[in-house]
């Protein structure tokens, strides 16, 4: 079978039998991966997925570069135009199949978010400290929907290493929202983010908020890092 235009051999080649013969999970959950343009969402899904991930990446064109700023990410050559999809099985607290949906980061594709996030029990917001304000729309979106989320600070090569506390303050996140650093290319690091989200989502979805306390954080974070 010939590959459709734009598809890579990796996306179409069958996985070894040992990779696909996975015991049936006890439960299945939908997780969405959001963040700004170039924050590492596709990389995170590919790193975590135990199946050949579905990707809708296209080559950046000169016309696209006039719309999407490449400031700080000038080496980026592709962009997600619809979604990424992968699956990761966790065994704690129960055997769970997590269906990972990566959201497109550009403003013009935001109309897809509602469909992709429908039914999600939690979200990861990937941030790039070189372009921190880019993650504001995702944070606002998940807060408005009441979707539990964690913030993962993707540590890009050559980027300044800000502390978790500095990022939390810049985003003005409530203390109940987990914030941690990660390397979206590293499996252990990426898996740590996913586990943190599962635990946080379970706690958020089973613990009622105290009277008078809003699920959302402050309305206008500064986005300023020291």
Protein backbone atom coordinates (compact mmCIF):
# COMPACT_ATOMS: atom_id res chain seq x y z
CA UNK A 1 0.00 0.00 0.00
CA UNK A 2 1.42 3.37 -0.98
CA UNK A 3 1.65 6.14 1.57
CA UNK A 4 -0.75 9.05 1.25
CA UNK A 5 0.83 12.45 0.50
CA UNK A 6 2.53 13.98 3.54
CA UNK A 7 2.59 10.75 5.60
CA UNK A 8 5.91 9.43 6.87
CA UNK A 9 6.85 5.73 6.79
CA UNK A 10 6.90 5.69 10.59
CA UNK A 11 3.25 6.71 10.73
CA UNK A 12 2.18 3.87 8.44
CA UNK A 13 4.51 0.98 9.22
CA UNK A 14 2.98 -1.74 11.46
CA UNK A 15 4.30 -2.13 14.98
CA UNK A 16 5.90 -5.41 16.11
CA UNK A 17 3.40 -7.85 17.63
CA UNK A 18 5.09 -7.48 21.01
CA UNK A 19 4.25 -3.78 20.90
CA UNK A 20 0.56 -4.17 20.13
CA UNK A 21 -0.40 -7.18 22.26
CA UNK A 22 -1.30 -5.08 25.30
CA UNK A 23 -3.72 -6.35 27.96
CA UNK A 24 -7.06 -4.60 27.89
CA UNK A 25 -7.16 -1.61 30.28
CA UNK A 26 -9.65 -1.35 33.12
CA UNK A 27 -10.64 2.18 32.06
CA UNK A 28 -9.96 4.64 29.26
CA UNK A 29 -9.48 8.37 29.62
CA UNK A 30 -9.09 11.22 27.19
CA UNK A 31 -6.23 13.65 27.78
CA UNK A 32 -5.53 16.79 25.76
CA UNK A 33 -2.11 18.36 25.24
CA UNK A 34 -2.20 22.11 24.71
CA UNK A 35 0.22 24.98 24.56
CA UNK A 36 1.54 27.70 22.32
CA UNK A 37 2.86 27.36 18.79
CA UNK A 38 6.13 25.39 18.89
CA UNK A 39 5.88 24.47 22.59
CA UNK A 40 6.52 20.75 21.95
CA UNK A 41 3.05 19.22 21.87
CA UNK A 42 3.70 16.91 18.91
CA UNK A 43 7.02 15.86 20.42
CA UNK A 44 5.36 15.00 23.74
CA UNK A 45 2.64 12.87 22.11
CA UNK A 46 5.20 11.03 19.97
CA UNK A 47 7.44 10.43 22.98
CA UNK A 48 4.63 8.99 25.11
CA UNK A 49 2.62 7.00 22.59
CA UNK A 50 2.94 3.22 22.63
CA UNK A 51 1.32 3.01 19.20
CA UNK A 52 2.49 4.66 15.99
CA UNK A 53 1.21 8.20 16.64
CA UNK A 54 -1.11 9.98 14.26
CA UNK A 55 0.24 13.36 13.26
CA UNK A 56 -1.06 16.07 10.96
CA UNK A 57 2.14 18.06 10.57
CA UNK A 58 2.73 20.13 7.47
CA UNK A 59 5.76 22.05 6.26
CA UNK A 60 5.75 25.70 7.27
CA UNK A 61 5.37 27.92 4.22
CA UNK A 62 6.57 31.45 3.66
CA UNK A 63 2.95 32.59 3.84
CA UNK A 64 2.50 30.80 7.17
CA UNK A 65 5.60 32.44 8.62
CA UNK A 66 3.97 35.81 7.99
CA UNK A 67 1.08 34.75 10.25
CA UNK A 68 2.86 32.66 12.91
CA UNK A 69 5.76 34.36 14.65
CA UNK A 70 8.92 32.23 14.82
CA UNK A 71 10.58 34.49 17.36
CA UNK A 72 12.63 32.21 19.61
CA UNK A 73 11.79 29.09 17.56
CA UNK A 74 13.42 29.99 14.25
CA UNK A 75 14.47 26.36 13.65
CA UNK A 76 10.86 25.15 13.52
CA UNK A 77 10.00 23.84 10.05
CA UNK A 78 6.65 22.06 10.53
CA UNK A 79 3.34 22.76 12.24
CA UNK A 80 0.30 20.76 13.36
CA UNK A 81 -2.76 21.71 11.32
CA UNK A 82 -5.39 19.53 13.00
CA UNK A 83 -4.30 17.25 15.85
CA UNK A 84 -1.86 14.67 17.17
CA UNK A 85 -3.03 11.38 18.62
CA UNK A 86 -1.36 8.65 20.66
CA UNK A 87 -2.08 6.15 23.44
CA UNK A 88 -0.20 5.49 26.67
CA UNK A 89 -1.16 2.86 29.26
CA UNK A 90 -0.58 3.54 32.95
CA UNK A 91 -0.97 0.98 35.73
CA UNK A 92 -1.39 3.32 38.72
CA UNK A 93 -3.86 3.75 40.38
CA UNK A 94 -5.65 1.38 37.96
CA UNK A 95 -4.70 0.06 34.54
CA UNK A 96 -5.74 2.96 32.33
CA UNK A 97 -5.45 3.64 28.62
CA UNK A 98 -4.87 7.35 28.15
CA UNK A 99 -5.90 8.64 24.73
CA UNK A 100 -3.68 11.64 24.04
CA UNK A 101 -4.97 14.42 21.78
CA UNK A 102 -2.58 17.22 20.85
CA UNK A 103 -4.24 20.55 20.08
CA UNK A 104 -2.99 22.79 17.26
CA UNK A 105 -1.28 25.85 18.69
CA UNK A 106 -2.04 28.57 16.15
CA UNK A 107 -4.93 30.97 16.61
CA UNK A 108 -6.46 30.13 13.23
CA UNK A 109 -6.92 26.47 14.23
CA UNK A 110 -8.50 27.22 17.61
CA UNK A 111 -11.95 26.42 16.27
CA UNK A 112 -10.93 22.74 16.52
CA UNK A 113 -10.33 22.87 20.27
CA UNK A 114 -13.90 22.27 21.40
CA UNK A 115 -14.23 19.08 19.38
CA UNK A 116 -10.81 17.74 20.39
CA UNK A 117 -11.26 18.57 24.10
CA UNK A 118 -14.80 17.17 24.35
CA UNK A 119 -14.91 14.55 27.10
CA UNK A 120 -11.34 15.10 28.30
CA UNK A 121 -10.73 14.44 31.99
CA UNK A 122 -7.52 16.46 32.11
CA UNK A 123 -5.01 18.50 30.15
CA UNK A 124 -1.31 19.25 29.94
CA UNK A 125 -0.35 22.83 29.10
CA UNK A 126 3.16 22.86 27.64
CA UNK A 127 5.00 26.15 28.03
CA UNK A 128 8.10 27.61 26.43
CA UNK A 129 9.55 30.28 28.72
CA UNK A 130 10.93 32.12 25.68
CA UNK A 131 7.30 32.68 24.58
CA UNK A 132 5.43 32.37 27.87
CA UNK A 133 2.34 34.45 26.94
CA UNK A 134 1.59 31.92 24.17
CA UNK A 135 0.20 29.51 26.77
CA UNK A 136 -2.36 31.99 28.17
CA UNK A 137 -5.15 30.99 25.74
CA UNK A 138 -4.84 27.33 26.74
CA UNK A 139 -4.81 28.08 30.45
CA UNK A 140 -7.86 30.34 30.10
CA UNK A 141 -9.60 27.72 27.97
CA UNK A 142 -9.17 24.87 30.44
CA UNK A 143 -10.03 27.07 33.42
CA UNK A 144 -13.25 28.19 31.71
CA UNK A 145 -14.19 24.57 30.97
CA UNK A 146 -13.32 23.42 34.48
CA UNK A 147 -10.83 20.91 33.06
CA UNK A 148 -8.09 19.90 35.52
CA UNK A 149 -4.68 20.72 34.06
CA UNK A 150 -0.99 20.74 34.86
CA UNK A 151 1.60 23.13 33.47
CA UNK A 152 4.74 21.51 32.07
CA UNK A 153 7.68 23.83 31.41
CA UNK A 154 9.45 22.34 28.40
CA UNK A 155 13.18 22.93 28.80
CA UNK A 156 14.52 23.72 25.36
CA UNK A 157 18.24 23.56 24.64
CA UNK A 158 19.80 26.98 25.05
CA UNK A 159 16.79 28.50 26.81
CA UNK A 160 17.21 30.15 30.20
CA UNK A 161 16.22 27.86 33.08
CA UNK A 162 13.59 29.62 35.17
CA UNK A 163 12.47 28.11 38.46
CA UNK A 164 9.07 26.49 38.76
CA UNK A 165 8.13 29.13 41.33
CA UNK A 166 9.08 31.94 38.93
CA UNK A 167 6.89 30.43 36.21
CA UNK A 168 4.01 29.95 38.65
CA UNK A 169 4.23 33.59 39.70
CA UNK A 170 4.46 34.85 36.12
CA UNK A 171 1.35 32.86 35.18
CA UNK A 172 -0.34 33.72 38.51
CA UNK A 173 -1.48 30.14 38.92
CA UNK A 174 -3.23 28.97 42.09
CA UNK A 175 -1.16 26.65 44.24
CA UNK A 176 -3.47 23.72 43.51
CA UNK A 177 -2.34 23.67 39.83
CA UNK A 178 0.80 21.52 39.50
CA UNK A 179 3.75 23.10 37.68
CA UNK A 180 6.84 21.09 36.79
CA UNK A 181 9.72 21.14 34.35
CA UNK A 182 10.07 18.53 31.65
CA UNK A 183 11.91 17.53 28.50
CA UNK A 184 9.25 16.52 25.97
CA UNK A 185 11.85 14.38 24.15
CA UNK A 186 12.64 12.25 27.20
CA UNK A 187 10.26 9.39 27.98
CA UNK A 188 10.75 9.36 31.76
CA UNK A 189 10.31 13.10 31.96
CA UNK A 190 7.21 13.07 29.75
CA UNK A 191 5.73 10.15 31.68
CA UNK A 192 6.24 12.06 34.92
CA UNK A 193 4.07 14.87 33.56
CA UNK A 194 1.34 12.42 32.56
CA UNK A 195 1.34 10.75 35.97
CA UNK A 196 1.16 14.12 37.70
CA UNK A 197 -1.86 15.02 35.59
CA UNK A 198 -3.68 11.75 36.34
CA UNK A 199 -3.21 12.18 40.09
CA UNK A 200 -4.23 15.85 39.91
CA UNK A 201 -7.31 15.11 37.80
CA UNK A 202 -8.44 12.37 40.17
CA UNK A 203 -8.12 14.73 43.11
CA UNK A 204 -9.85 17.62 41.34
CA UNK A 205 -12.72 15.52 40.06
CA UNK A 206 -13.41 13.90 43.42
CA UNK A 207 -12.86 16.87 45.77
CA UNK A 208 -15.46 19.67 45.79
CA UNK A 209 -14.17 23.23 45.90
CA UNK A 210 -14.65 25.06 49.23
CA UNK A 211 -17.53 27.52 49.32
CA UNK A 212 -16.68 30.82 47.68
CA UNK A 213 -13.62 29.48 45.90
CA UNK A 214 -13.48 29.73 42.11
CA UNK A 215 -11.97 27.03 39.92
CA UNK A 216 -10.26 29.67 37.81
CA UNK A 217 -7.14 31.61 38.70
CA UNK A 218 -6.53 35.36 38.32
CA UNK A 219 -7.90 36.95 35.14
CA UNK A 220 -4.80 38.70 33.82
CA UNK A 221 -1.43 37.03 34.46
CA UNK A 222 1.54 39.21 33.67
CA UNK A 223 3.61 36.58 31.84
CA UNK A 224 6.75 38.36 33.03
CA UNK A 225 9.71 36.23 34.14
CA UNK A 226 12.63 37.61 36.15
